[in-house]
C-alpha cells in the first residue's frame, strides 16, 4: 500500500476504494458467526487499509483452495488515517477486531512501544523461525525490546520516479529513463526540468501531483527524520526535514504542482486525465497507477531512478490482535501471505516490493509492460539495497501528516511557508502531547 507503501505507507498502491465504512464492516464481520453459511468452515476476517493486493493477486483464493476449511473475508478502508482511528477505538474497547489487522510502517513503533498488550506475540506460534527470511530492518521494527514479535512484514517501499512519456514528448522533454535519471540526479535538477515542462506543458497538466508527495519522497531518503534513535522528537532541528520542506514550498511557488490531495477522488481521476507528468513512486504505487489509469494508460508510463539517491516510503505489517477469535489460524494465514513465494507473486502482479530477502532474489529480473517494459526488479531492487534504515518514532505517521497538511495550505491556499510551518508545529504538538 503503499501506502504507502506503499506507506504506503504507504498507503498506497492500495487499490481498494472502500471508505471508512470498510472499517465498520470489519467490526461487524469479526463479531459474526464462525460458520455463517453453516458449512463448518472457519471464517477468518482480515481488515486492511486500501488494498494490499491479496485479492487482486488471487492469493486468498489460492489459500482457500489449499485450506478448504477456511473462508477469508476482507474489508478495506481507503484512507489509512481513518483506518488507524477506527482501529484505536476498537482496540480500546476490545471488540469488533478482525483476526488479522494491517499496520502501516509509520504506526509500528506505536504498536511495539505503546500497544504490545493489544496484539499477540507471534513468537508463541513459531514466528521466531522466520526471522532469517526477512530483511533485518523489517523484522526488528515489529519486535519489542523484550523480544515479542507483533507483526510479520508485507512489503517495503523502495522509491523511484514514475512519469508519463506521452506528456514528456508533447513538452519536448526526453523520455529515455537513463537520460532522465542523469538529468534529475539531484532534486534541483528535477525541479529545473519541471520548470522546462511547465513552459511547454499540455493544457491542464502540471509537473507533479502535489508538493506533499515531493516532501514525503525526499524525507524517505533520510535515516533520521522526525525522531532520533533515543526516541526524542527532533524534526524541528533536523536539517533534512527543512531541506525537504523548502524544496516542496519552492515547487509550490513555481506552480509545478497539480494541487491534488493524495487519495482524494480528484487525485484518482487525475491519473487517467494527464493532470500531472511525474509522481514520486514507491514500488507499491505501481499497482495503484494501473488501477486508476486503466488499460488506456498502458505504455504511456515509465519509471526512472529517483533524484537524490535511494529512499523508502511505506511498507506494512500483518498483526493478530489479542481479541482475535481465531489466533492460530490467523497466524497461519499471515505466515503464508508473507512467505517469499507469495511476496514474489504480489510484486509481479501488483508491484508491492518484498520485505522477504528470498522474494527479493526471485524478482530481480522482473519487468513491467504497463510501464514501457521498465526493469522494475532492478530499479526497485537497487533502491531497496541502498535505502537507509529509518528511525521510527511512536508518532511518526502523525508528525508526517501534520507537515504534509501544512504543505497543502501552501499550495492550495497560498499560505506563506513560515506561517504554514508554524501551523505544522502546532499540529505536531497536539498529536504528540
Protein backbone atom coordinates (compact mmCIF):
# COMPACT_ATOMS: atom_id res chain seq x y z
CA UNK A 1 0.00 0.00 0.00
CA UNK A 2 1.68 1.57 -0.29
CA UNK A 3 0.97 3.19 1.08
CA UNK A 4 2.34 3.55 1.39
CA UNK A 5 3.64 1.69 0.71
CA UNK A 6 3.34 1.96 -0.02
CA UNK A 7 3.50 3.94 3.09
CA UNK A 8 2.15 3.36 1.94
CA UNK A 9 2.66 3.88 3.64
CA UNK A 10 2.29 3.83 2.24
CA UNK A 11 -0.64 3.79 1.89
CA UNK A 12 -0.92 3.29 -1.23
CA UNK A 13 -0.68 1.06 -4.16
CA UNK A 14 -3.65 0.34 -2.38
CA UNK A 15 -6.35 -0.36 -4.96
CA UNK A 16 -9.27 -0.68 -2.55
CA UNK A 17 -11.86 2.04 -2.83
CA UNK A 18 -13.97 1.32 0.24
CA UNK A 19 -14.07 4.30 2.58
CA UNK A 20 -14.45 4.48 6.35
CA UNK A 21 -17.42 2.15 6.19
CA UNK A 22 -14.92 -0.61 5.45
CA UNK A 23 -13.59 -0.43 8.98
CA UNK A 24 -17.11 -0.53 10.35
CA UNK A 25 -17.89 -3.55 8.23
CA UNK A 26 -14.80 -5.21 9.65
CA UNK A 27 -16.11 -4.58 13.14
CA UNK A 28 -19.37 -6.26 12.23
CA UNK A 29 -17.71 -9.08 10.33
CA UNK A 30 -15.35 -10.09 13.07
CA UNK A 31 -18.17 -10.26 15.54
CA UNK A 32 -20.30 -12.58 13.44
CA UNK A 33 -20.81 -16.32 13.49
CA UNK A 34 -17.81 -18.54 12.92
CA UNK A 35 -19.79 -20.54 10.38
CA UNK A 36 -22.13 -18.05 8.78
CA UNK A 37 -23.01 -20.45 6.00
CA UNK A 38 -23.48 -23.45 8.26
CA UNK A 39 -20.83 -25.36 6.32
CA UNK A 40 -18.44 -25.98 9.20
CA UNK A 41 -15.79 -23.64 7.84
CA UNK A 42 -13.77 -21.20 9.92
CA UNK A 43 -14.17 -17.63 8.74
CA UNK A 44 -11.04 -15.52 9.09
CA UNK A 45 -11.61 -11.77 8.96
CA UNK A 46 -8.89 -9.53 7.55
CA UNK A 47 -9.11 -5.75 7.96
CA UNK A 48 -6.75 -3.59 5.88
CA UNK A 49 -6.33 -0.04 4.62
CA UNK A 50 -6.55 0.46 0.88
CA UNK A 51 -5.60 -2.79 -0.80
CA UNK A 52 -2.62 -4.96 -0.02
CA UNK A 53 -3.18 -6.75 -3.32
CA UNK A 54 -4.08 -10.15 -1.90
CA UNK A 55 -7.45 -10.40 -3.62
CA UNK A 56 -6.13 -8.87 -6.84
CA UNK A 57 -3.26 -11.36 -6.99
CA UNK A 58 -5.57 -14.31 -6.26
CA UNK A 59 -3.82 -15.22 -3.01
CA UNK A 60 -6.96 -15.56 -0.92
CA UNK A 61 -8.47 -17.91 -3.48
CA UNK A 62 -5.26 -19.94 -3.54
CA UNK A 63 -5.13 -20.18 0.26
CA UNK A 64 -8.77 -21.25 0.50
CA UNK A 65 -8.12 -23.94 -2.11
CA UNK A 66 -5.18 -25.20 -0.05
CA UNK A 67 -7.26 -24.95 3.16
CA UNK A 68 -10.86 -25.91 2.28
CA UNK A 69 -11.93 -25.44 5.91
CA UNK A 70 -11.05 -21.70 5.77
CA UNK A 71 -13.08 -18.82 4.38
CA UNK A 72 -11.44 -15.39 4.22
CA UNK A 73 -13.42 -12.17 4.44
CA UNK A 74 -11.52 -8.92 3.85
CA UNK A 75 -12.64 -5.34 4.47
CA UNK A 76 -10.82 -2.16 3.43
CA UNK A 77 -10.60 1.47 4.42
CA UNK A 78 -9.07 3.55 1.64
CA UNK A 79 -7.59 6.26 3.89
CA UNK A 80 -5.04 4.93 6.39
CA UNK A 81 -5.73 7.76 8.84
CA UNK A 82 -9.40 6.77 9.02
CA UNK A 83 -8.39 3.14 9.37
CA UNK A 84 -5.98 3.86 12.24
CA UNK A 85 -8.52 5.96 14.14
CA UNK A 86 -11.10 3.21 13.85
CA UNK A 87 -8.58 0.58 14.91
CA UNK A 88 -7.64 2.61 18.00
CA UNK A 89 -11.29 2.84 19.01
CA UNK A 90 -11.76 -0.89 18.67
CA UNK A 91 -8.52 -1.73 20.47
CA UNK A 92 -9.58 0.46 23.38
CA UNK A 93 -12.96 -1.26 23.56
CA UNK A 94 -11.61 -4.75 22.95
CA UNK A 95 -14.33 -5.65 20.47
CA UNK A 96 -15.02 -5.53 16.76
CA UNK A 97 -11.47 -6.51 15.81
CA UNK A 98 -10.61 -8.69 12.85
CA UNK A 99 -8.49 -11.82 13.12
CA UNK A 100 -5.79 -10.07 11.08
CA UNK A 101 -5.16 -6.33 11.15
CA UNK A 102 -2.85 -4.40 8.83
CA UNK A 103 -0.37 -1.96 10.39
CA UNK A 104 1.35 0.78 8.37
CA UNK A 105 5.09 1.12 8.95
CA UNK A 106 4.66 4.62 10.39
CA UNK A 107 2.49 3.12 13.15
CA UNK A 108 4.57 0.07 14.04
CA UNK A 109 6.60 1.87 16.72
CA UNK A 110 3.34 2.82 18.42
CA UNK A 111 2.33 -0.84 18.39
CA UNK A 112 5.63 -2.16 19.77
CA UNK A 113 6.18 0.59 22.34
CA UNK A 114 2.68 1.51 23.48
CA UNK A 115 0.23 -1.24 22.48
CA UNK A 116 2.10 -4.51 22.84
CA UNK A 117 -0.60 -5.74 25.23
CA UNK A 118 -3.19 -5.40 22.47
CA UNK A 119 -1.51 -7.74 19.96
CA UNK A 120 -0.45 -11.36 20.01
CA UNK A 121 3.20 -12.29 20.26
CA UNK A 122 3.54 -14.29 17.06
CA UNK A 123 6.60 -15.92 18.56
CA UNK A 124 4.21 -18.11 20.52
CA UNK A 125 3.19 -19.71 17.23
CA UNK A 126 6.73 -20.20 15.98
CA UNK A 127 7.37 -16.90 14.19
CA UNK A 128 10.91 -16.76 15.56
CA UNK A 129 11.92 -19.37 13.00
CA UNK A 130 11.04 -16.91 10.21
CA UNK A 131 13.48 -14.17 11.21
CA UNK A 132 16.08 -15.24 8.66
CA UNK A 133 13.54 -14.81 5.85
CA UNK A 134 13.11 -11.05 6.36
CA UNK A 135 15.31 -8.01 5.92
CA UNK A 136 16.79 -7.10 9.32
CA UNK A 137 15.22 -3.63 9.43
CA UNK A 138 11.79 -5.03 8.62
CA UNK A 139 11.93 -7.70 11.31
CA UNK A 140 13.38 -5.53 14.07
CA UNK A 141 10.82 -2.74 13.64
CA UNK A 142 7.97 -5.10 14.65
CA UNK A 143 9.85 -6.66 17.58
CA UNK A 144 9.60 -5.30 21.13
CA UNK A 145 12.63 -4.79 23.36
CA UNK A 146 11.77 -7.98 25.24
CA UNK A 147 11.57 -10.00 22.01
CA UNK A 148 7.85 -10.14 21.24
CA UNK A 149 7.08 -10.36 17.52
CA UNK A 150 3.95 -8.26 16.92
CA UNK A 151 3.75 -8.44 13.14
CA UNK A 152 5.18 -10.01 10.01
CA UNK A 153 6.33 -7.73 7.22
CA UNK A 154 4.45 -7.46 3.95
CA UNK A 155 6.07 -5.06 1.51
CA UNK A 156 8.62 -2.25 1.62
CA UNK A 157 8.58 1.00 -0.31
CA UNK A 158 11.82 1.49 -2.31
CA UNK A 159 11.41 4.63 -4.34
CA UNK A 160 11.68 5.66 -7.98
CA UNK A 161 10.02 8.27 -10.21
CA UNK A 162 7.10 7.36 -12.45
CA UNK A 163 6.42 9.59 -15.44
CA UNK A 164 4.19 9.96 -18.50
CA UNK A 165 6.25 9.57 -21.68
CA UNK A 166 3.47 10.93 -23.90
CA UNK A 167 3.25 14.15 -21.88
CA UNK A 168 7.04 14.48 -21.85
CA UNK A 169 7.07 14.19 -25.64
CA UNK A 170 4.42 16.88 -26.01
CA UNK A 171 6.50 19.22 -23.85
CA UNK A 172 9.69 18.48 -25.79
CA UNK A 173 11.43 16.62 -22.97
CA UNK A 174 13.47 13.41 -23.32
CA UNK A 175 11.69 10.17 -22.42
CA UNK A 176 14.58 7.72 -22.01
CA UNK A 177 14.71 6.57 -18.39
CA UNK A 178 18.53 6.56 -18.21
CA UNK A 179 18.81 10.04 -19.71
CA UNK A 180 16.22 11.38 -17.31
CA UNK A 181 17.95 9.77 -14.32
CA UNK A 182 21.09 11.69 -15.30
CA UNK A 183 19.23 14.99 -15.79
CA UNK A 184 17.46 14.75 -12.43
CA UNK A 185 20.22 13.13 -10.43
CA UNK A 186 19.57 15.88 -7.84
CA UNK A 187 16.30 17.39 -6.66
CA UNK A 188 17.38 20.74 -8.05
CA UNK A 189 17.69 19.05 -11.42
CA UNK A 190 14.22 17.57 -11.04
CA UNK A 191 12.68 20.97 -10.26
CA UNK A 192 14.59 22.63 -13.11
CA UNK A 193 13.22 20.04 -15.52
CA UNK A 194 9.79 20.73 -14.06
CA UNK A 195 10.10 24.39 -14.95
CA UNK A 196 11.01 23.40 -18.52
CA UNK A 197 7.95 21.17 -18.61
CA UNK A 198 5.68 23.93 -17.35
CA UNK A 199 6.83 26.25 -20.15
CA UNK A 200 5.58 23.84 -22.84
CA UNK A 201 3.21 21.57 -20.96
CA UNK A 202 -0.04 20.31 -22.46
CA UNK A 203 -3.09 22.19 -21.25
CA UNK A 204 -4.17 21.43 -17.67
CA UNK A 205 -1.09 19.32 -16.95
CA UNK A 206 1.31 20.03 -14.07
CA UNK A 207 4.77 18.62 -13.36
CA UNK A 208 3.81 16.63 -10.24
CA UNK A 209 0.69 15.72 -8.32
CA UNK A 210 1.31 17.54 -5.03
CA UNK A 211 4.14 19.10 -3.08
CA UNK A 212 3.22 16.83 -0.18
CA UNK A 213 4.29 13.81 -2.19
CA UNK A 214 7.56 15.58 -3.04
CA UNK A 215 8.26 16.19 0.66
CA UNK A 216 7.38 12.62 1.58
CA UNK A 217 9.62 11.05 -1.04
CA UNK A 218 12.55 13.31 -0.11
CA UNK A 219 12.26 12.64 3.60
CA UNK A 220 12.12 8.92 2.78
CA UNK A 221 15.78 9.21 1.75
CA UNK A 222 16.83 10.03 5.32
CA UNK A 223 17.72 7.71 8.18
CA UNK A 224 16.70 10.20 10.86
CA UNK A 225 13.60 12.25 10.19
CA UNK A 226 11.17 13.09 12.97
CA UNK A 227 12.72 11.16 15.86
CA UNK A 228 16.27 10.24 16.81
CA UNK A 229 17.43 6.82 17.93
CA UNK A 230 16.74 7.77 21.57
CA UNK A 231 13.08 8.35 20.78
CA UNK A 232 13.30 12.13 21.02
CA UNK A 233 11.25 14.34 18.69
CA UNK A 234 13.83 16.18 16.56
CA UNK A 235 12.01 17.22 13.38
CA UNK A 236 12.22 20.97 14.15
CA UNK A 237 16.01 20.95 14.24
CA UNK A 238 16.60 18.30 11.61
CA UNK A 239 18.11 19.99 8.52
CA UNK A 240 16.87 17.13 6.31
CA UNK A 241 13.26 17.98 7.19
CA UNK A 242 13.76 21.66 6.41
CA UNK A 243 15.54 20.85 3.13
CA UNK A 244 12.57 18.75 2.01
CA UNK A 245 10.15 21.42 3.24
CA UNK A 246 11.97 24.15 1.33
CA UNK A 247 12.03 22.11 -1.88
CA UNK A 248 8.31 21.44 -1.58
CA UNK A 249 7.41 25.08 -0.95
CA UNK A 250 9.64 26.17 -3.86
CA UNK A 251 7.77 23.76 -6.12
CA UNK A 252 4.50 25.27 -4.94
CA UNK A 253 5.75 28.79 -5.54
CA UNK A 254 6.87 27.86 -9.06
CA UNK A 255 3.43 26.47 -9.88
CA UNK A 256 4.73 22.96 -10.57
CA UNK A 257 2.01 21.13 -8.64
CA UNK A 258 -1.46 19.99 -9.69
CA UNK A 259 -2.53 20.80 -6.10
CA UNK A 260 -4.18 17.43 -5.56
CA UNK A 261 -4.72 15.80 -2.19
CA UNK A 262 -3.37 12.28 -2.41
CA UNK A 263 -6.02 9.55 -2.19
CA UNK A 264 -8.81 12.01 -2.98
CA UNK A 265 -11.31 11.27 -5.80
CA UNK A 266 -9.82 14.15 -7.79
CA UNK A 267 -6.34 12.67 -7.44
CA UNK A 268 -7.59 9.28 -8.55
CA UNK A 269 -9.19 10.77 -11.67
CA UNK A 270 -6.01 12.70 -12.50
CA UNK A 271 -4.07 9.53 -13.35
CA UNK A 272 -6.13 8.99 -16.47
CA UNK A 273 -6.70 12.67 -17.22
CA UNK A 274 -2.99 13.51 -17.57
CA UNK A 275 -3.18 16.14 -14.84
CA UNK A 276 0.45 15.56 -13.89
CA UNK A 277 3.51 14.26 -15.71
CA UNK A 278 5.53 12.79 -12.82
CA UNK A 279 4.76 11.24 -9.48
CA UNK A 280 7.22 10.12 -6.79
CA UNK A 281 6.73 6.42 -6.94
CA UNK A 282 7.41 3.83 -4.23
CA UNK A 283 7.03 0.31 -5.58
CA UNK A 284 3.52 -0.12 -4.21
CA UNK A 285 2.36 2.86 -6.29
CA UNK A 286 2.65 0.79 -9.48
CA UNK A 287 -0.50 -1.15 -8.78
CA UNK A 288 -2.33 2.00 -7.81
CA UNK A 289 -1.41 3.70 -11.08
CA UNK A 290 -2.60 0.70 -13.07
CA UNK A 291 -5.87 0.67 -11.18
CA UNK A 292 -6.55 4.37 -11.71
CA UNK A 293 -5.13 4.92 -15.22
CA UNK A 294 -6.60 1.67 -16.55
CA UNK A 295 -5.85 -0.08 -19.83
CA UNK A 296 -5.64 3.25 -21.66
CA UNK A 297 -2.52 4.11 -19.65
CA UNK A 298 -0.54 1.04 -20.68
CA UNK A 299 2.69 2.03 -22.42
CA UNK A 300 2.28 5.71 -21.55
CA UNK A 301 4.09 5.39 -18.23
CA UNK A 302 7.73 4.65 -17.48
CA UNK A 303 9.96 4.53 -14.40
CA UNK A 304 13.36 6.10 -13.76
CA UNK A 305 15.79 6.24 -10.86
CA UNK A 306 14.84 8.66 -8.11
CA UNK A 307 16.57 12.05 -7.80
CA UNK A 308 18.89 12.47 -4.83
CA UNK A 309 19.60 8.80 -4.09
CA UNK A 310 17.70 5.82 -2.72
CA UNK A 311 14.87 6.04 -0.24
CA UNK A 312 11.93 4.20 1.26
CA UNK A 313 8.29 5.23 1.53
CA UNK A 314 5.91 2.92 3.25
CA UNK A 315 5.52 -0.75 3.78
CA UNK A 316 3.25 -2.59 6.18
CA UNK A 317 2.77 -5.48 8.60
CA UNK A 318 0.12 -8.05 9.35
CA UNK A 319 -0.70 -8.48 13.04
CA UNK A 320 -3.07 -10.59 15.12
CA UNK A 321 -4.97 -8.75 17.90
CA UNK A 322 -5.27 -10.31 21.33
CA UNK A 323 -9.03 -10.13 20.86
CA UNK A 324 -8.97 -12.15 17.62
CA UNK A 325 -11.29 -15.16 17.59
CA UNK A 326 -9.04 -17.49 15.61
CA UNK A 327 -5.48 -16.65 16.62
CA UNK A 328 -3.66 -19.76 15.47
CA UNK A 329 -5.49 -19.91 12.15
CA UNK A 330 -4.89 -16.17 11.70
CA UNK A 331 -1.17 -16.64 12.28
CA UNK A 332 -1.01 -19.43 9.71
CA UNK A 333 -2.65 -17.14 7.15
CA UNK A 334 -0.26 -14.29 7.99
CA UNK A 335 2.72 -16.63 7.75
CA UNK A 336 1.62 -17.86 4.33
CA UNK A 337 0.79 -14.41 2.93
CA UNK A 338 4.19 -13.05 3.93
CA UNK A 339 6.22 -16.06 2.77
CA UNK A 340 8.76 -15.46 -0.04
CA UNK A 341 6.67 -17.23 -2.69
CA UNK A 342 3.61 -15.07 -2.05
CA UNK A 343 5.61 -11.84 -1.75
CA UNK A 344 7.20 -12.54 -5.13
CA UNK A 345 3.79 -13.15 -6.70
CA UNK A 346 2.49 -9.89 -5.27
CA UNK A 347 5.33 -7.89 -6.75
CA UNK A 348 4.96 -9.40 -10.20
CA UNK A 349 1.19 -8.90 -10.21
CA UNK A 350 0.58 -5.64 -8.33
CA UNK A 351 4.02 -4.11 -7.68
CA UNK A 352 4.33 -4.45 -3.90
CA UNK A 353 8.08 -4.85 -3.33
CA UNK A 354 9.02 -7.70 -0.98
CA UNK A 355 10.45 -7.41 2.51
CA UNK A 356 11.47 -11.08 2.29
CA UNK A 357 15.09 -11.50 1.24
CA UNK A 358 14.24 -14.68 -0.62
CA UNK A 359 11.47 -12.96 -2.56
CA UNK A 360 13.75 -10.05 -3.50
CA UNK A 361 16.08 -12.51 -5.20
CA UNK A 362 13.13 -14.11 -7.03
CA UNK A 363 12.03 -10.83 -8.65
CA UNK A 364 15.40 -9.41 -9.68
CA UNK A 365 14.66 -9.93 -13.39
CA UNK A 366 11.09 -8.61 -13.33
CA UNK A 367 9.93 -6.07 -15.89
CA UNK A 368 6.54 -4.45 -16.42
CA UNK A 369 4.99 -3.98 -19.89
CA UNK A 370 2.49 -1.47 -18.49
CA UNK A 371 5.41 0.81 -17.63
CA UNK A 372 7.03 0.57 -21.05
CA UNK A 373 8.95 -2.58 -20.13
CA UNK A 374 10.76 -0.89 -17.22
CA UNK A 375 13.10 -3.30 -15.37
CA UNK A 376 11.23 -2.91 -12.10
CA UNK A 377 13.08 -5.74 -10.36
CA UNK A 378 16.40 -3.99 -10.92
CA UNK A 379 15.20 -0.42 -10.32
CA UNK A 380 13.43 -1.14 -7.06
CA UNK A 381 15.88 -3.85 -6.03
CA UNK A 382 18.81 -1.44 -6.29
CA UNK A 383 16.83 1.18 -4.37
CA UNK A 384 15.95 -1.31 -1.63
CA UNK A 385 19.60 -2.28 -1.17
CA UNK A 386 20.72 1.35 -0.89
CA UNK A 387 17.80 2.73 1.13
CA UNK A 388 18.57 3.88 4.70
CA UNK A 389 17.34 2.04 7.76
CA UNK A 390 14.94 4.62 9.10
CA UNK A 391 14.44 5.59 12.73
CA UNK A 392 10.74 5.25 13.56
CA UNK A 393 9.04 7.06 16.42
CA UNK A 394 5.75 6.41 18.18
CA UNK A 395 4.02 9.28 16.37
CA UNK A 396 5.96 9.07 13.12
CA UNK A 397 2.89 8.98 10.88
CA UNK A 398 1.10 11.70 12.83
CA UNK A 399 4.05 14.08 12.54
CA UNK A 400 4.32 13.41 8.80
CA UNK A 401 0.60 14.06 8.34
CA UNK A 402 0.79 17.42 10.11
CA UNK A 403 3.64 18.57 7.89
CA UNK A 404 2.03 17.46 4.63
CA UNK A 405 -1.26 19.07 5.73
CA UNK A 406 0.64 22.33 6.20
CA UNK A 407 2.19 21.97 2.76
CA UNK A 408 -1.29 21.61 1.34
CA UNK A 409 -2.08 25.02 2.85
CA UNK A 410 0.88 26.48 0.96
CA UNK A 411 -0.04 25.07 -2.44
CA UNK A 412 -3.83 25.33 -2.26
CA UNK A 413 -4.48 28.38 -0.06
CA UNK A 414 -1.36 30.41 -0.69
CA UNK A 415 -0.34 30.36 2.97
CA UNK A 416 3.16 31.73 3.50
CA UNK A 417 5.67 28.89 4.10
CA UNK A 418 6.76 30.16 7.54
CA UNK A 419 3.16 30.56 8.65
CA UNK A 420 2.37 27.06 7.42
CA UNK A 421 5.46 25.71 9.23
CA UNK A 422 4.21 27.33 12.42
CA UNK A 423 0.84 25.66 11.88
CA UNK A 424 2.59 22.32 11.37
CA UNK A 425 4.45 22.70 14.67
CA UNK A 426 1.20 23.43 16.50
CA UNK A 427 -0.36 20.38 14.91
CA UNK A 428 2.58 18.19 15.88
CA UNK A 429 2.38 19.45 19.47
CA UNK A 430 -1.28 18.46 19.58
CA UNK A 431 -0.77 14.94 18.25
CA UNK A 432 2.36 14.16 20.25
CA UNK A 433 1.49 15.85 23.52
